[in-house]
C-alpha cells in the first residue's frame, strides 16, 4: 500500500524513486544488524555518516526497504528545508500529505508523548514556535544559563591522560536541556559529587528509556 502511494506521488510530481540502499541479506536484515551493532558500540553516528559519504554528491537521498514501511535517508540540507520549513500545509492528513514521519509518532509517543518530536503539520509548527520563544529568551541572556554547566563539564575532565568526551557531552546536553525546558537541571555532570538522588534516578531512567526508544525505531 505504501509503495503504491509512493509511486502515485512520484508520478504526480514528475519524479522517480531514489536509488535503493544496497543490502546483502533479504529484507535488509544486514542493515538492521549493522544499526544495532554500531549503536551498541557507540559508532552509530559514524556509520550513518559513512552511508551519507558513500552517496554524496552523486545522490541527494536514498531509500531503505527493510521490514515495515519504506523509509528515506535524506542527505541534502535543501531537501530538509522543504520538509521542515516550507511544507507545513502538506504534513497534516496522513494519506493526503506529501511528507510525514510515518510510524515515528507511534514509536516515540510512549516516552515523549504528544510533542514536537511526534507531531506533524500545524501542531509541530505551534510547538516549534513555543520552543523558539524559549530559545530566543536564552539568547537575550547572553548564554548565562550555559556557563554553570560548561564549568561542570570542565571540572569533570581529567587533568592528564586520554578521555572519552562522548559521555560528558551527553551529560552536558541533558543538564542544559532540562534547565531550559523544565526550569531546573538534573545536574548529571555532578553525579558522584553533590547530585540529588531524585535527579540521578531521572537521568539514569531517561537514558535507559532512550536506549529502548532507539531499538524500537531501528526495528520500525
Protein backbone atom coordinates (compact mmCIF):
# COMPACT_ATOMS: atom_id res chain seq x y z
CA UNK A 1 0.00 0.00 0.00
CA UNK A 2 2.75 2.45 0.99
CA UNK A 3 4.90 1.55 -2.04
CA UNK A 4 1.89 2.17 -4.30
CA UNK A 5 1.35 5.57 -2.66
CA UNK A 6 5.00 6.44 -3.27
CA UNK A 7 4.66 5.52 -6.95
CA UNK A 8 1.50 7.61 -7.35
CA UNK A 9 3.09 10.56 -5.57
CA UNK A 10 6.16 10.31 -7.82
CA UNK A 11 4.03 10.27 -10.95
CA UNK A 12 2.15 13.37 -9.81
CA UNK A 13 5.37 15.23 -9.06
CA UNK A 14 7.24 14.01 -12.12
CA UNK A 15 9.99 12.18 -10.25
CA UNK A 16 11.20 8.64 -9.72
CA UNK A 17 12.09 6.81 -6.54
CA UNK A 18 15.68 7.29 -5.38
CA UNK A 19 18.23 4.52 -5.52
CA UNK A 20 17.76 1.75 -3.01
CA UNK A 21 20.41 1.37 -0.34
CA UNK A 22 22.37 -1.82 -1.18
CA UNK A 23 21.86 -4.82 1.09
CA UNK A 24 23.44 -8.26 1.24
CA UNK A 25 20.70 -10.19 3.06
CA UNK A 26 16.96 -10.48 2.34
CA UNK A 27 14.78 -7.63 3.64
CA UNK A 28 17.90 -5.67 4.57
CA UNK A 29 18.48 -7.72 7.72
CA UNK A 30 22.20 -6.99 7.41
CA UNK A 31 21.47 -3.27 7.65
CA UNK A 32 19.38 -3.78 10.78
CA UNK A 33 22.23 -5.84 12.24
CA UNK A 34 24.69 -3.05 11.42
CA UNK A 35 22.46 -0.45 13.06
CA UNK A 36 22.13 -2.47 16.26
CA UNK A 37 25.83 -3.29 16.48
CA UNK A 38 27.10 0.22 15.76
CA UNK A 39 24.60 1.68 18.24
CA UNK A 40 25.75 -0.75 20.95
CA UNK A 41 29.39 0.12 20.22
CA UNK A 42 28.79 3.88 20.17
CA UNK A 43 29.53 4.12 16.43
CA UNK A 44 26.04 4.75 15.08
CA UNK A 45 26.65 8.35 14.01
CA UNK A 46 29.87 7.35 12.23
CA UNK A 47 28.02 4.52 10.46
CA UNK A 48 25.25 6.83 9.22
CA UNK A 49 27.81 9.45 8.16
CA UNK A 50 29.63 6.76 6.17
CA UNK A 51 26.40 5.99 4.31
CA UNK A 52 25.99 9.69 3.52
CA UNK A 53 29.61 9.93 2.39
CA UNK A 54 29.20 6.97 0.04
CA UNK A 55 26.15 8.53 -1.65
CA UNK A 56 27.10 12.20 -1.84
CA UNK A 57 27.46 14.04 -4.11
CA UNK A 58 26.01 11.56 -6.61
CA UNK A 59 22.61 11.33 -4.88
CA UNK A 60 20.65 13.57 -2.56
CA UNK A 61 18.75 10.79 -0.85
CA UNK A 62 18.43 7.02 -0.72
CA UNK A 63 15.63 4.70 0.24
CA UNK A 64 15.51 1.89 2.76
CA UNK A 65 13.41 -1.15 2.03
CA UNK A 66 13.63 -3.11 5.28
CA UNK A 67 10.91 -4.62 7.43
CA UNK A 68 7.85 -2.38 7.65
CA UNK A 69 7.28 0.79 5.61
CA UNK A 70 9.66 2.36 3.13
CA UNK A 71 11.96 4.96 4.65
CA UNK A 72 14.11 7.62 3.04
CA UNK A 73 17.57 8.72 4.08
CA UNK A 74 17.69 12.45 3.28
CA UNK A 75 21.21 13.77 2.73
CA UNK A 76 20.90 17.25 1.26
CA UNK A 77 20.07 20.24 3.53
CA UNK A 78 17.84 21.81 0.89
CA UNK A 79 15.57 18.76 0.97
CA UNK A 80 15.30 19.07 4.74
CA UNK A 81 14.38 22.73 4.40
CA UNK A 82 11.46 21.80 2.15
CA UNK A 83 10.18 19.25 4.66
CA UNK A 84 10.72 21.13 7.92
CA UNK A 85 10.21 24.75 6.91
CA UNK A 86 8.24 25.16 3.72
CA UNK A 87 5.60 22.43 3.75
CA UNK A 88 3.50 22.64 6.91
CA UNK A 89 0.30 22.59 4.90
CA UNK A 90 1.29 19.30 3.27
CA UNK A 91 2.07 17.49 6.52
CA UNK A 92 -1.32 17.13 8.00
CA UNK A 93 -3.63 14.40 6.89
CA UNK A 94 -1.85 11.05 6.60
CA UNK A 95 -2.72 9.76 3.12
CA UNK A 96 -3.23 13.28 1.80
CA UNK A 97 0.16 14.55 2.96
CA UNK A 98 3.25 14.95 0.80
CA UNK A 99 5.64 14.45 3.71
CA UNK A 100 5.37 12.80 7.07
CA UNK A 101 7.12 10.96 9.87
CA UNK A 102 5.46 7.65 9.03
CA UNK A 103 5.36 5.43 12.13
CA UNK A 104 7.66 7.70 14.14
CA UNK A 105 4.83 9.21 16.27
CA UNK A 106 3.65 5.77 17.37
CA UNK A 107 7.23 4.75 18.22
CA UNK A 108 8.16 7.89 20.16
CA UNK A 109 4.81 8.62 21.85
CA UNK A 110 5.11 6.10 24.74
CA UNK A 111 8.15 8.03 26.01
CA UNK A 112 7.80 11.53 24.59
CA UNK A 113 4.02 11.90 24.38
CA UNK A 114 2.36 14.39 22.03
CA UNK A 115 5.12 16.93 21.46
CA UNK A 116 7.48 18.38 18.90
CA UNK A 117 9.24 15.03 18.35
CA UNK A 118 6.00 13.23 17.45
CA UNK A 119 3.83 15.94 15.93
CA UNK A 120 3.34 16.84 12.29
CA UNK A 121 1.84 19.72 10.36
CA UNK A 122 0.41 22.70 12.21
CA UNK A 123 0.77 21.05 15.62
CA UNK A 124 4.51 20.75 15.01
CA UNK A 125 4.65 24.36 13.83
CA UNK A 126 2.90 25.51 17.02
CA UNK A 127 5.30 23.55 19.25
CA UNK A 128 8.28 24.86 17.30
CA UNK A 129 7.11 28.46 17.79
CA UNK A 130 6.80 27.89 21.54
CA UNK A 131 10.33 26.50 21.76
CA UNK A 132 11.63 29.26 19.51
CA UNK A 133 10.42 31.84 22.03
CA UNK A 134 12.18 29.97 24.83
CA UNK A 135 15.49 29.83 22.96
CA UNK A 136 15.18 33.48 21.93
CA UNK A 137 14.85 34.27 25.62
CA UNK A 138 18.04 32.36 26.30
CA UNK A 139 19.88 34.28 23.58
CA UNK A 140 18.84 37.56 25.16
CA UNK A 141 20.50 36.43 28.40
CA UNK A 142 23.90 36.09 26.72
CA UNK A 143 24.04 32.35 27.41
CA UNK A 144 24.37 32.82 31.18
CA UNK A 145 22.42 29.60 31.72
CA UNK A 146 25.13 27.65 29.90
CA UNK A 147 28.08 28.88 31.97
CA UNK A 148 27.38 26.78 35.07
CA UNK A 149 27.07 23.54 33.10
CA UNK A 150 30.13 24.19 30.94
CA UNK A 151 32.10 24.81 34.15
CA UNK A 152 30.83 21.49 35.49
CA UNK A 153 31.96 19.80 32.26
CA UNK A 154 35.45 21.28 32.55
CA UNK A 155 35.70 20.24 36.21
CA UNK A 156 34.78 16.67 35.28
CA UNK A 157 37.57 16.27 32.71
CA UNK A 158 40.85 14.76 33.94
CA UNK A 159 43.89 16.99 34.02
CA UNK A 160 46.01 14.46 32.15
CA UNK A 161 45.70 11.34 30.01
CA UNK A 162 43.10 10.40 27.42
CA UNK A 163 39.36 10.83 27.87
CA UNK A 164 36.21 9.74 26.04
CA UNK A 165 34.35 13.02 25.52
CA UNK A 166 31.07 11.49 24.40
CA UNK A 167 29.60 10.62 27.85
CA UNK A 168 30.31 14.03 29.45
CA UNK A 169 28.93 15.85 26.39
CA UNK A 170 25.78 13.71 26.59
CA UNK A 171 25.51 14.75 30.24
CA UNK A 172 26.08 18.40 29.28
CA UNK A 173 23.19 18.15 26.81
CA UNK A 174 20.96 16.61 29.46
CA UNK A 175 21.80 19.28 32.03
CA UNK A 176 21.25 22.20 29.66
CA UNK A 177 18.09 20.75 28.11
CA UNK A 178 16.41 20.07 31.46
CA UNK A 179 17.38 23.55 32.68
CA UNK A 180 15.90 25.23 29.60
CA UNK A 181 12.79 23.10 29.17
CA UNK A 182 11.88 22.29 32.78
CA UNK A 183 13.36 25.27 34.55
CA UNK A 184 15.60 23.02 36.65
CA UNK A 185 18.65 20.98 35.69
CA UNK A 186 19.19 17.37 36.75
CA UNK A 187 22.95 18.06 37.08
CA UNK A 188 24.20 14.78 35.66
CA UNK A 189 27.68 16.30 35.43
CA UNK A 190 27.65 16.49 39.23
CA UNK A 191 26.96 12.76 39.63
CA UNK A 192 29.09 11.29 42.39
CA UNK A 193 29.67 14.75 43.86
CA UNK A 194 26.53 16.54 45.05
CA UNK A 195 23.75 15.47 42.66
CA UNK A 196 20.39 14.93 44.33
CA UNK A 197 19.24 11.31 44.34
CA UNK A 198 15.97 12.00 42.51
CA UNK A 199 17.89 13.83 39.76
CA UNK A 200 20.27 10.89 39.44
CA UNK A 201 17.33 8.46 39.17
CA UNK A 202 15.65 10.60 36.50
CA UNK A 203 18.82 10.86 34.38
CA UNK A 204 19.54 7.13 34.58
CA UNK A 205 15.93 6.20 33.80
CA UNK A 206 15.79 8.60 30.86
CA UNK A 207 18.95 7.12 29.37
CA UNK A 208 17.51 3.61 29.65
CA UNK A 209 14.26 4.77 28.04
CA UNK A 210 16.18 6.41 25.19
CA UNK A 211 18.05 3.18 24.50
CA UNK A 212 14.76 1.32 24.28
CA UNK A 213 13.34 4.00 22.02
CA UNK A 214 16.32 3.73 19.67
CA UNK A 215 15.79 -0.03 19.39
CA UNK A 216 12.08 0.44 18.67
CA UNK A 217 12.94 2.99 15.98
CA UNK A 218 15.51 0.66 14.38
CA UNK A 219 13.00 -2.19 14.16
CA UNK A 220 10.34 0.09 12.68
